[in-house]
C-alpha atoms as a PDB file:
ATOM      1  CA  MET A   1     -76.591-135.886 182.479  1.00  0.00           C
ATOM      2  CA  ARG A   2     -72.950-135.215 183.256  1.00  0.00           C
ATOM      3  CA  LEU A   3     -70.434-136.065 180.554  1.00  0.00           C
ATOM      4  CA  VAL A   4     -67.034-137.586 181.372  1.00  0.00           C
ATOM      5  CA  PRO A   5     -64.212-135.539 179.824  1.00  0.00           C
ATOM      6  CA  THR A   6     -62.735-137.131 176.700  1.00  0.00           C
ATOM      7  CA  PHE A   7     -59.214-137.360 178.141  1.00  0.00           C
ATOM      8  CA  LEU A   8     -60.550-139.287 181.188  1.00  0.00           C
ATOM      9  CA  ARG A   9     -62.434-141.745 178.984  1.00  0.00           C
ATOM     10  CA  ALA A  10     -59.317-142.237 176.838  1.00  0.00           C
ATOM     11  CA  ALA A  11     -57.093-142.797 179.877  1.00  0.00           C
ATOM     12  CA  THR A  12     -59.551-145.302 181.323  1.00  0.00           C
ATOM     13  CA  ALA A  13     -59.721-147.161 178.009  1.00  0.00           C
ATOM     14  CA  ILE A  14     -55.918-147.339 177.772  1.00  0.00           C
ATOM     15  CA  VAL A  15     -55.648-148.775 181.299  1.00  0.00           C
ATOM     16  CA  LEU A  16     -58.376-151.341 180.649  1.00  0.00           C
ATOM     17  CA  LEU A  17     -56.981-152.380 177.287  1.00  0.00           C
ATOM     18  CA  SER A  18     -53.484-152.757 178.690  1.00  0.00           C
ATOM     19  CA  THR A  19     -54.729-155.329 181.224  1.00  0.00           C
ATOM     20  CA  ILE A  20     -57.054-157.287 178.939  1.00  0.00           C
ATOM     21  CA  GLY A  21     -55.379-160.310 177.443  1.00  0.00           C
ATOM     22  CA  THR A  22     -52.257-159.929 179.558  1.00  0.00           C
ATOM     23  CA  PRO A  23     -51.770-163.340 181.162  1.00  0.00           C
ATOM     24  CA  ALA A  24     -50.791-163.418 184.810  1.00  0.00           C
ATOM     25  CA  TYR A  25     -47.923-165.823 185.383  1.00  0.00           C
ATOM     26  CA  ALA A  26     -48.238-165.690 189.123  1.00  0.00           C
ATOM     27  CA  PHE A  27     -47.540-169.291 190.133  1.00  0.00           C
ATOM     28  CA  ASP A  28     -43.937-170.449 189.935  1.00  0.00           C
ATOM     29  CA  LEU A  29     -43.036-174.144 189.805  1.00  0.00           C
ATOM     30  CA  THR A  30     -39.290-173.627 190.241  1.00  0.00           C
ATOM     31  CA  GLY A  31     -37.820-176.094 192.697  1.00  0.00           C
ATOM     32  CA  ASN A  32     -37.114-179.695 193.579  1.00  0.00           C
ATOM     33  CA  TRP A  33     -39.916-182.230 193.650  1.00  0.00           C
ATOM     34  CA  VAL A  34     -40.331-185.850 194.779  1.00  0.00           C
ATOM     35  CA  GLY A  35     -42.967-188.329 193.712  1.00  0.00           C
ATOM     36  CA  LYS A  36     -43.644-191.218 191.407  1.00  0.00           C
ATOM     37  CA  TYR A  37     -44.806-192.227 187.984  1.00  0.00           C
ATOM     38  CA  THR A  38     -46.340-195.328 186.447  1.00  0.00           C
ATOM     39  CA  CYS A  39     -46.475-196.236 182.779  1.00  0.00           C
ATOM     40  CA  LYS A  40     -48.431-198.670 180.639  1.00  0.00           C
ATOM     41  CA  GLY A  41     -47.457-199.422 177.102  1.00  0.00           C
ATOM     42  CA  PHE A  42     -47.436-201.700 174.113  1.00  0.00           C
ATOM     43  CA  ASP A  43     -44.440-202.971 172.139  1.00  0.00           C
ATOM     44  CA  GLY A  44     -46.141-205.985 170.585  1.00  0.00           C
ATOM     45  CA  THR A  45     -47.202-207.068 174.059  1.00  0.00           C
ATOM     46  CA  LYS A  46     -48.498-205.020 176.968  1.00  0.00           C
ATOM     47  CA  PHE A  47     -45.977-203.825 179.558  1.00  0.00           C
ATOM     48  CA  THR A  48     -45.874-201.691 182.704  1.00  0.00           C
ATOM     49  CA  GLY A  49     -43.136-199.712 184.409  1.00  0.00           C
ATOM     50  CA  GLY A  50     -42.397-196.617 186.416  1.00  0.00           C
ATOM     51  CA  ASN A  51     -40.464-195.217 189.344  1.00  0.00           C
ATOM     52  CA  LYS A  52     -41.847-195.023 192.899  1.00  0.00           C
ATOM     53  CA  THR A  53     -38.985-192.760 194.058  1.00  0.00           C
ATOM     54  CA  SER A  54     -38.841-190.274 191.213  1.00  0.00           C
ATOM     55  CA  THR A  55     -37.409-186.755 191.285  1.00  0.00           C
ATOM     56  CA  LEU A  56     -38.459-183.744 189.250  1.00  0.00           C
ATOM     57  CA  VAL A  57     -36.525-180.481 188.963  1.00  0.00           C
ATOM     58  CA  ILE A  58     -38.037-177.373 187.390  1.00  0.00           C
ATOM     59  CA  THR A  59     -36.732-173.941 186.492  1.00  0.00           C
ATOM     60  CA  GLN A  60     -39.498-171.536 185.482  1.00  0.00           C
ATOM     61  CA  THR A  61     -38.950-168.149 183.864  1.00  0.00           C
ATOM     62  CA  GLY A  62     -42.185-166.270 183.206  1.00  0.00           C
ATOM     63  CA  ASN A  63     -44.458-168.882 181.704  1.00  0.00           C
ATOM     64  CA  THR A  64     -41.606-171.010 180.292  1.00  0.00           C
ATOM     65  CA  ILE A  65     -40.614-174.229 182.049  1.00  0.00           C
ATOM     66  CA  ALA A  66     -37.449-176.324 181.757  1.00  0.00           C
ATOM     67  CA  ALA A  67     -37.766-179.636 183.591  1.00  0.00           C
ATOM     68  CA  ASN A  68     -35.889-182.864 184.151  1.00  0.00           C
ATOM     69  CA  ILE A  69     -37.260-186.095 185.593  1.00  0.00           C
ATOM     70  CA  ASP A  70     -34.890-188.402 187.446  1.00  0.00           C
ATOM     71  CA  ALA A  71     -31.849-186.298 186.610  1.00  0.00           C
ATOM     72  CA  ALA A  72     -29.919-188.227 189.276  1.00  0.00           C
ATOM     73  CA  PHE A  73     -30.817-191.490 187.530  1.00  0.00           C
ATOM     74  CA  PRO A  74     -30.024-190.856 183.845  1.00  0.00           C
ATOM     75  CA  ALA A  75     -31.534-193.032 181.196  1.00  0.00           C
ATOM     76  CA  PRO A  76     -29.293-194.273 178.380  1.00  0.00           C
ATOM     77  CA  ASP A  77     -29.962-191.085 176.378  1.00  0.00           C
ATOM     78  CA  GLY A  78     -28.935-188.785 179.266  1.00  0.00           C
ATOM     79  CA  ASP A  79     -32.172-188.287 181.216  1.00  0.00           C
ATOM     80  CA  PHE A  80     -35.775-187.223 180.706  1.00  0.00           C
ATOM     81  CA  ARG A  81     -35.623-183.541 179.701  1.00  0.00           C
ATOM     82  CA  TYR A  82     -38.580-181.307 178.897  1.00  0.00           C
ATOM     83  CA  ASN A  83     -39.618-177.797 177.895  1.00  0.00           C
ATOM     84  CA  GLY A  84     -43.058-176.470 178.659  1.00  0.00           C
ATOM     85  CA  PHE A  85     -45.424-173.638 179.403  1.00  0.00           C
ATOM     86  CA  ALA A  86     -47.395-172.617 182.484  1.00  0.00           C
ATOM     87  CA  ILE A  87     -51.043-171.703 181.981  1.00  0.00           C
ATOM     88  CA  PRO A  88     -52.499-169.921 185.038  1.00  0.00           C
ATOM     89  CA  ASP A  89     -56.086-170.511 186.104  1.00  0.00           C
ATOM     90  CA  SER A  90     -58.059-167.332 185.369  1.00  0.00           C
ATOM     91  CA  LYS A  91     -59.812-167.468 188.753  1.00  0.00           C
ATOM     92  CA  SER A  92     -56.751-168.319 190.889  1.00  0.00           C
ATOM     93  CA  PRO A  93     -53.648-167.489 188.811  1.00  0.00           C
ATOM     94  CA  ASP A  94     -51.375-167.269 191.837  1.00  0.00           C
ATOM     95  CA  THR A  95     -52.086-170.816 193.032  1.00  0.00           C
ATOM     96  CA  LYS A  96     -53.624-172.956 190.280  1.00  0.00           C
ATOM     97  CA  GLY A  97     -53.146-173.775 186.650  1.00  0.00           C
ATOM     98  CA  GLU A  98     -52.062-176.289 184.089  1.00  0.00           C
ATOM     99  CA  VAL A  99     -48.903-177.021 182.159  1.00  0.00           C
ATOM    100  CA  VAL A 100     -48.088-178.460 178.792  1.00  0.00           C
ATOM    101  CA  ILE A 101     -44.719-180.162 178.715  1.00  0.00           C
ATOM    102  CA  LEU A 102     -42.914-181.525 175.662  1.00  0.00           C
ATOM    103  CA  GLY A 103     -40.061-184.013 175.733  1.00  0.00           C
ATOM    104  CA  CYS A 104     -36.876-182.542 174.278  1.00  0.00           C
ATOM    105  CA  HIS A 105     -36.906-185.187 171.557  1.00  0.00           C
ATOM    106  CA  LEU A 106     -40.473-184.412 170.480  1.00  0.00           C
ATOM    107  CA  ALA A 107     -40.622-183.593 166.810  1.00  0.00           C
ATOM    108  CA  ASN A 108     -43.265-183.469 164.127  1.00  0.00           C
ATOM    109  CA  THR A 109     -42.530-187.063 163.137  1.00  0.00           C
ATOM    110  CA  ALA A 110     -42.580-190.373 164.946  1.00  0.00           C
ATOM    111  CA  ALA A 111     -39.405-191.213 166.817  1.00  0.00           C
ATOM    112  CA  SER A 112     -36.588-192.865 164.912  1.00  0.00           C
ATOM    113  CA  ALA A 113     -33.269-194.324 165.979  1.00  0.00           C
ATOM    114  CA  ALA A 114     -31.741-190.863 165.531  1.00  0.00           C
ATOM    115  CA  VAL A 115     -34.340-189.142 167.719  1.00  0.00           C
ATOM    116  CA  GLY A 116     -34.995-191.777 170.385  1.00  0.00           C
ATOM    117  CA  ASP A 117     -38.387-190.872 171.796  1.00  0.00           C
ATOM    118  CA  GLY A 118     -41.192-188.375 172.038  1.00  0.00           C
ATOM    119  CA  GLU A 119     -43.481-187.469 174.918  1.00  0.00           C
ATOM    120  CA  LEU A 120     -46.226-184.907 175.465  1.00  0.00           C
ATOM    121  CA  MET A 121     -47.680-184.143 178.928  1.00  0.00           C
ATOM    122  CA  ARG A 122     -50.652-182.244 180.235  1.00  0.00           C
ATOM    123  CA  GLY A 123     -50.613-181.532 183.933  1.00  0.00           C
ATOM    124  CA  SER A 124     -52.413-179.687 186.680  1.00  0.00           C
ATOM    125  CA  VAL A 125     -50.580-177.749 189.353  1.00  0.00           C
ATOM    126  CA  LYS A 126     -51.513-176.253 192.706  1.00  0.00           C
ATOM    127  CA  THR A 127     -49.259-174.046 194.788  1.00  0.00           C
ATOM    128  CA  LYS A 128     -49.635-172.335 198.133  1.00  0.00           C
ATOM    129  CA  ALA A 129     -48.500-168.715 198.031  1.00  0.00           C
ATOM    130  CA  GLY A 130     -45.611-167.881 200.319  1.00  0.00           C
ATOM    131  CA  THR A 131     -44.526-171.504 200.855  1.00  0.00           C
ATOM    132  CA  PHE A 132     -42.795-174.298 198.979  1.00  0.00           C
ATOM    133  CA  LYS A 133     -45.955-176.453 199.120  1.00  0.00           C
ATOM    134  CA  ALA A 134     -47.159-177.425 195.661  1.00  0.00           C
ATOM    135  CA  THR A 135     -48.451-180.454 193.744  1.00  0.00           C
ATOM    136  CA  PHE A 136     -47.879-181.479 190.146  1.00  0.00           C
ATOM    137  CA  LYS A 137     -49.992-184.191 188.489  1.00  0.00           C
ATOM    138  CA  SER A 138     -49.859-185.041 184.816  1.00  0.00           C
ATOM    139  CA  THR A 139     -50.582-187.617 182.176  1.00  0.00           C
ATOM    140  CA  SER A 140     -48.440-188.204 179.119  1.00  0.00           C
ATOM    141  CA  ILE A 141     -48.434-190.071 175.849  1.00  0.00           C
ATOM    142  CA  PHE A 142     -45.091-191.385 174.643  1.00  0.00           C
ATOM    143  CA  GLN A 143     -43.612-193.215 171.693  1.00  0.00           C
ATOM    144  CA  ASP A 144     -40.063-194.372 171.135  1.00  0.00           C
ATOM    145  CA  ASP A 145     -37.860-196.229 168.730  1.00  0.00           C
ATOM    146  CA  PHE A 146     -38.023-199.683 170.318  1.00  0.00           C
ATOM    147  CA  PRO A 147     -40.850-199.316 168.906  1.00  0.00           C
ATOM    148  CA  ASP A 148     -43.382-198.878 171.642  1.00  0.00           C
ATOM    149  CA  VAL A 149     -46.178-196.550 172.662  1.00  0.00           C
ATOM    150  CA  GLY A 150     -47.786-195.850 175.991  1.00  0.00           C
ATOM    151  CA  THR A 151     -49.065-193.519 178.663  1.00  0.00           C
ATOM    152  CA  CYS A 152     -47.624-192.422 181.996  1.00  0.00           C
ATOM    153  CA  LYS A 153     -49.149-190.829 185.080  1.00  0.00           C
ATOM    154  CA  TYR A 154     -46.958-188.538 187.193  1.00  0.00           C
ATOM    155  CA  SER A 155     -47.522-187.265 190.735  1.00  0.00           C
ATOM    156  CA  TYR A 156     -45.064-184.996 192.617  1.00  0.00           C
ATOM    157  CA  LYS A 157     -44.875-182.737 195.678  1.00  0.00           C
ATOM    158  CA  ARG A 158     -42.409-179.876 195.852  1.00  0.00           C
ATOM    159  CA  VAL A 159     -39.836-180.088 198.659  1.00  0.00           C
ATOM    160  CA  ASP A 160     -38.176-176.674 198.157  1.00  0.00           C
ATOM    161  CA  THR A 161     -38.148-173.660 195.855  1.00  0.00           C
ATOM    162  CA  ASN A 162     -34.389-173.637 195.224  1.00  0.00           C
ATOM    163  CA  ASP A 163     -33.709-173.043 191.534  1.00  0.00           C
ATOM    164  CA  PRO A 164     -31.973-176.179 190.221  1.00  0.00           C
ATOM    165  CA  GLY A 165     -30.806-174.281 187.117  1.00  0.00           C
ATOM    166  CA  VAL A 166     -32.398-176.608 184.583  1.00  0.00           C
ATOM    167  CA  ALA A 167     -31.404-175.585 181.046  1.00  0.00           C
ATOM    168  CA  ALA A 168     -33.983-175.475 178.292  1.00  0.00           C
ATOM    169  CA  CYS A 169     -33.831-178.114 175.596  1.00  0.00           C
ATOM    170  CA  PRO A 170     -31.377-177.343 172.821  1.00  0.00           C
END
């Protein structure tokens, strides 16, 4: 039996250990997106709403996402701003994954008049390497100070990979 020199085993172990547990943030969601969202909620009675001509802008740095929905159509509190994280698929990290996105107002307490609202999203993303083509689909749960509670479904397609320069939540 031939023995592998100790230094070679050590070098191999260092290389293997340096790659284990290192997430690959290969897909990039940066760009301008178009799509729609629909919401259902309850504020004492059931209600529905949404936007069939919605826009989404994303700036991604590493696995960190700063996003804004309908930035051109601000809501009374400014617009719908979010921070989030990209989670690459272990089998196809360059083209598939999920995201978790938190509304800038999300806190560890229910929304109050001072806070305004809170929203948490989970979404799936697919990109095509070397092109702008990508899809973003998510579901959220929200609560705000009206008071009401509800869920929204979002669906977007990316139209370009230009960085819109979205700032992270303060």
